[in-house]
Structures are given as structure tokens and as C-alpha cells.
Amino acid sequence: MNIPNLVTERLLLRPLCHEDAPQIQEKFPHWEIVKYLSVVVPWPYPDDGAEDFIRDIALPAMARGEAWHWSIRPKSAPSELIGVISLRKGVDNRGFWLAPNWQKQGIMSEAAIAVTDFWFDVLGEEIMRIPKAIENEGSVKISQRSNMRPIRTEIREYVGGKMISQIWEIAKEEWHDFRNKQRAT
């Protein structure tokens, strides 16, 4: 599948590519970003971490049709990468990070809506499940505002250590009902 650009009111989401590595390497390795990410993220982040991620993990998974990764860019400055948002087959379906100076502006909620629409409407998936540390208040709020619900609690390993986590879920029909209500207001 050719992965499309996704466009929102304020954002351009472009499929991840090799050229994104320098900006990811610059903006990603900050404790406030990585502490709630899966323990598979190397920490301290190596000097070639972004290049390795794109070359060895993201692009091969995209080519196999197992994952979809987009850089997040403001429409007002489309050359500036400010984060990454991803979809994955399996049990952890969506993940993201955003540069700290762009947080708390509704940007990630906007990007999450675009990729969740893609998950259900283009990929035809029936359910989305997302794990998150309960301490990760910003991410929890995005799920709450997206009409998701926690279905179970468990302990998970993150870069920041073992934390109580919730698995959040939404089904396709629930998502479509939520989106239709959003569009009606």
C-alpha cells in the first residue's frame, strides 16, 4: 500500500522517510518524551538512533504492511518535523510523540483523529487498542477525548521503569458514532 499524506486543519502528516532522521534525532531524545514509551526504545538514545529506527524498524514494517508511520508537521512550516505518529498491527495499535514546545495545543489530538480515521476507514480494522501509563496524563486525556475506554490494567515496562498501565480501546462503530457527533457540532 502506498501510504498517503494526511492533512488536518493545522497539520500535514507525511509518511516517514530516511530524510526525517536528522530532525527526529534532534527532537526525540528528551526525557519528557521517552519516559512513557516502551522499554524497546534505547535509552540513553544513541547518536544514530533515529537513523536505525527508520532504516531497520519503521520502513521495513511499512513495506510489509504491518505499520504506518507519519512525521507530524505544522502546515505553517511543512519542513519542520515536530513529532511522529504511528499505527501498528497487533496489540499496541497507535503510538506517538510530540516535541515538548508543541504539546498542550491540541496538536496530538488532531493527528490522532486523522490516523484513527485511517485505521478504521482505509485499513478496515475493527478495533483499536492502545496501552498507556496511567501517569502519562496527556496521553490519557487524548484517549478520553477520543471516546476510548480503558478495558484492563496491567504493569508494563517503559523507558522510565515499570508503571501501572491501562489498555484503552474503541471499536469501529463507536469511532464512527463519535466522529459523526463531532461533525454535527
Protein backbone atom coordinates (compact mmCIF):
# COMPACT_ATOMS: atom_id res chain seq x y z
CA MET A 1 0.00 0.00 0.00
CA ASN A 2 1.18 3.46 -0.87
CA ILE A 3 0.87 5.41 2.39
CA PRO A 4 -0.80 8.78 1.79
CA ASN A 5 -0.17 12.16 3.31
CA LEU A 6 -2.87 13.01 5.84
CA VAL A 7 -3.98 16.62 6.18
CA THR A 8 -5.84 18.23 9.08
CA GLU A 9 -6.80 21.81 9.84
CA ARG A 10 -3.33 22.68 11.16
CA LEU A 11 -1.16 19.68 10.28
CA LEU A 12 0.49 17.78 7.48
CA LEU A 13 1.25 14.15 8.29
CA ARG A 14 3.82 12.75 5.83
CA PRO A 15 4.88 9.11 5.61
CA LEU A 16 8.16 8.68 7.46
CA CYS A 17 11.27 8.61 5.23
CA HIS A 18 15.07 8.46 5.57
CA GLU A 19 15.32 12.25 5.30
CA ASP A 20 13.39 12.61 8.59
CA ALA A 21 16.20 11.08 10.65
CA PRO A 22 18.17 14.28 11.45
CA GLN A 23 15.11 16.14 12.78
CA ILE A 24 13.97 13.10 14.78
CA GLN A 25 17.47 12.72 16.21
CA GLU A 26 17.40 16.35 17.29
CA LYS A 27 13.88 16.49 18.76
CA PHE A 28 13.14 13.00 20.08
CA PRO A 29 15.76 12.15 22.74
CA HIS A 30 14.33 14.13 25.66
CA TRP A 31 13.30 12.51 28.91
CA GLU A 32 9.84 14.14 28.92
CA ILE A 33 9.19 12.43 25.55
CA VAL A 34 10.69 8.99 26.09
CA LYS A 35 9.88 8.17 29.72
CA TYR A 36 6.41 6.81 28.86
CA LEU A 37 7.49 4.95 25.73
CA SER A 38 8.04 1.21 25.53
CA VAL A 39 11.25 -0.12 27.01
CA VAL A 40 12.27 -1.21 23.49
CA VAL A 41 13.31 2.42 22.87
CA PRO A 42 17.05 2.58 23.64
CA TRP A 43 17.98 4.98 26.42
CA PRO A 44 20.23 6.91 26.53
CA TYR A 45 19.28 7.41 22.89
CA PRO A 46 22.25 6.60 20.64
CA ASP A 47 23.66 9.12 18.18
CA ASP A 48 22.33 7.02 15.29
CA GLY A 49 19.05 6.04 17.00
CA ALA A 50 16.72 7.84 14.57
CA GLU A 51 18.53 6.50 11.50
CA ASP A 52 18.47 2.96 12.93
CA PHE A 53 14.77 3.23 13.78
CA ILE A 54 13.79 4.47 10.32
CA ARG A 55 16.09 2.09 8.38
CA ASP A 56 15.71 -1.08 10.46
CA ILE A 57 12.24 -0.84 12.01
CA ALA A 58 9.86 1.73 10.51
CA LEU A 59 10.47 1.45 6.76
CA PRO A 60 10.61 -2.38 6.67
CA ALA A 61 7.36 -2.62 8.69
CA MET A 62 5.74 -0.07 6.37
CA ALA A 63 6.86 -2.08 3.32
CA ARG A 64 5.38 -5.27 4.83
CA GLY A 65 2.06 -3.52 5.53
CA GLU A 66 2.43 -4.06 9.29
CA ALA A 67 2.90 -0.44 10.36
CA TRP A 68 2.22 3.09 9.16
CA HIS A 69 4.42 5.93 10.41
CA TRP A 70 3.95 9.62 9.71
CA SER A 71 6.00 12.68 10.59
CA ILE A 72 3.88 15.44 12.09
CA ARG A 73 4.44 18.89 10.59
CA PRO A 74 2.63 22.21 11.00
CA LYS A 75 1.04 23.40 7.76
CA SER A 76 2.54 26.80 8.51
CA ALA A 77 6.07 25.28 8.43
CA PRO A 78 5.88 21.99 6.48
CA SER A 79 9.64 21.46 6.51
CA GLU A 80 9.64 21.30 10.33
CA LEU A 81 9.11 17.85 11.86
CA ILE A 82 7.55 18.24 15.33
CA GLY A 83 6.65 14.63 16.12
CA VAL A 84 5.78 11.19 14.84
CA ILE A 85 2.54 9.20 14.97
CA SER A 86 2.28 5.51 14.12
CA LEU A 87 -0.20 2.73 13.61
CA ARG A 88 0.73 -0.93 14.05
CA LYS A 89 -0.97 -4.27 13.56
CA GLY A 90 -1.04 -6.44 16.67
CA VAL A 91 -1.93 -5.43 20.21
CA ASP A 92 -0.48 -1.91 20.51
CA ASN A 93 -2.12 -0.15 17.60
CA ARG A 94 -1.20 3.52 17.92
CA GLY A 95 1.74 5.40 19.35
CA PHE A 96 3.09 8.93 19.12
CA TRP A 97 5.45 11.56 20.43
CA LEU A 98 5.49 15.33 20.09
CA ALA A 99 8.27 17.83 20.71
CA PRO A 100 7.71 19.47 24.14
CA ASN A 101 7.29 23.03 22.80
CA TRP A 102 4.34 21.82 20.66
CA GLN A 103 2.50 19.99 23.43
CA LYS A 104 -0.74 21.15 25.13
CA GLN A 105 -2.08 22.81 21.98
CA GLY A 106 -4.40 20.02 20.78
CA ILE A 107 -1.96 19.06 18.03
CA MET A 108 -1.66 15.41 19.00
CA SER A 109 -5.43 15.06 19.36
CA GLU A 110 -5.77 16.42 15.83
CA ALA A 111 -3.14 13.99 14.48
CA ALA A 112 -4.66 11.07 16.42
CA ILE A 113 -8.08 11.69 14.85
CA ALA A 114 -6.57 11.65 11.35
CA VAL A 115 -4.70 8.37 11.83
CA THR A 116 -7.60 6.73 13.67
CA ASP A 117 -9.86 7.60 10.73
CA PHE A 118 -7.22 5.95 8.51
CA TRP A 119 -7.12 2.85 10.79
CA PHE A 120 -10.85 2.26 10.54
CA ASP A 121 -11.81 3.78 7.17
CA VAL A 122 -8.84 2.88 4.96
CA LEU A 123 -7.32 -0.17 6.65
CA GLY A 124 -10.74 -1.51 7.62
CA GLU A 125 -9.70 -2.54 11.12
CA GLU A 126 -12.49 -3.38 13.59
CA ILE A 127 -10.89 -2.37 16.89
CA MET A 128 -8.07 -0.15 18.15
CA ARG A 129 -6.20 -0.88 21.38
CA ILE A 130 -3.62 1.40 22.89
CA PRO A 131 -1.58 0.87 26.08
CA LYS A 132 -0.53 3.83 28.15
CA ALA A 133 0.98 4.53 31.52
CA ILE A 134 -1.63 5.96 33.86
CA GLU A 135 0.92 8.64 34.83
CA ASN A 136 1.01 9.85 31.20
CA GLU A 137 -1.82 12.32 31.77
CA GLY A 138 -1.60 14.00 28.35
CA SER A 139 -1.91 10.71 26.51
CA VAL A 140 -4.74 9.55 28.77
CA LYS A 141 -6.63 12.78 28.01
CA ILE A 142 -6.28 12.18 24.27
CA SER A 143 -7.89 8.75 24.69
CA GLN A 144 -10.65 10.15 26.90
CA ARG A 145 -11.42 12.92 24.40
CA SER A 146 -11.46 10.31 21.62
CA ASN A 147 -14.30 8.34 23.24
CA MET A 148 -11.99 5.43 24.11
CA ARG A 149 -12.42 3.39 27.27
CA PRO A 150 -9.95 1.51 29.47
CA ILE A 151 -10.55 -2.24 29.33
CA ARG A 152 -7.85 -3.52 31.68
CA THR A 153 -4.98 -2.51 33.90
CA GLU A 154 -1.56 -4.14 34.00
CA ILE A 155 2.06 -3.42 34.80
CA ARG A 156 4.24 -2.58 31.78
CA GLU A 157 7.88 -1.71 31.23
CA TYR A 158 8.62 1.76 29.92
CA VAL A 159 11.86 3.65 29.42
CA GLY A 160 11.03 5.29 32.77
CA GLY A 161 10.60 1.91 34.52
CA LYS A 162 7.68 -0.34 35.47
CA MET A 163 4.40 1.54 35.61
CA ILE A 164 0.72 0.83 36.04
CA SER A 165 -0.80 0.90 32.57
CA GLN A 166 -4.25 0.81 31.07
CA ILE A 167 -5.22 -0.70 27.76
CA TRP A 168 -7.63 1.68 26.03
CA GLU A 169 -9.98 0.50 23.31
CA ILE A 170 -12.51 1.69 20.76
CA ALA A 171 -14.43 -0.29 18.14
CA LYS A 172 -15.06 0.91 14.58
CA GLU A 173 -18.78 1.53 15.16
CA GLU A 174 -18.06 3.53 18.32
CA TRP A 175 -15.47 5.59 16.46
CA HIS A 176 -17.85 6.34 13.61
CA ASP A 177 -20.60 7.38 16.06
CA PHE A 178 -18.12 9.67 17.84
CA ARG A 179 -16.92 11.21 14.58
CA ASN A 180 -20.46 11.75 13.30
CA LYS A 181 -21.35 13.59 16.54
CA GLN A 182 -18.19 15.70 16.19
CA ARG A 183 -19.06 16.65 12.62
CA ALA A 184 -22.64 17.54 13.63
CA THR A 185 -21.49 20.13 16.20
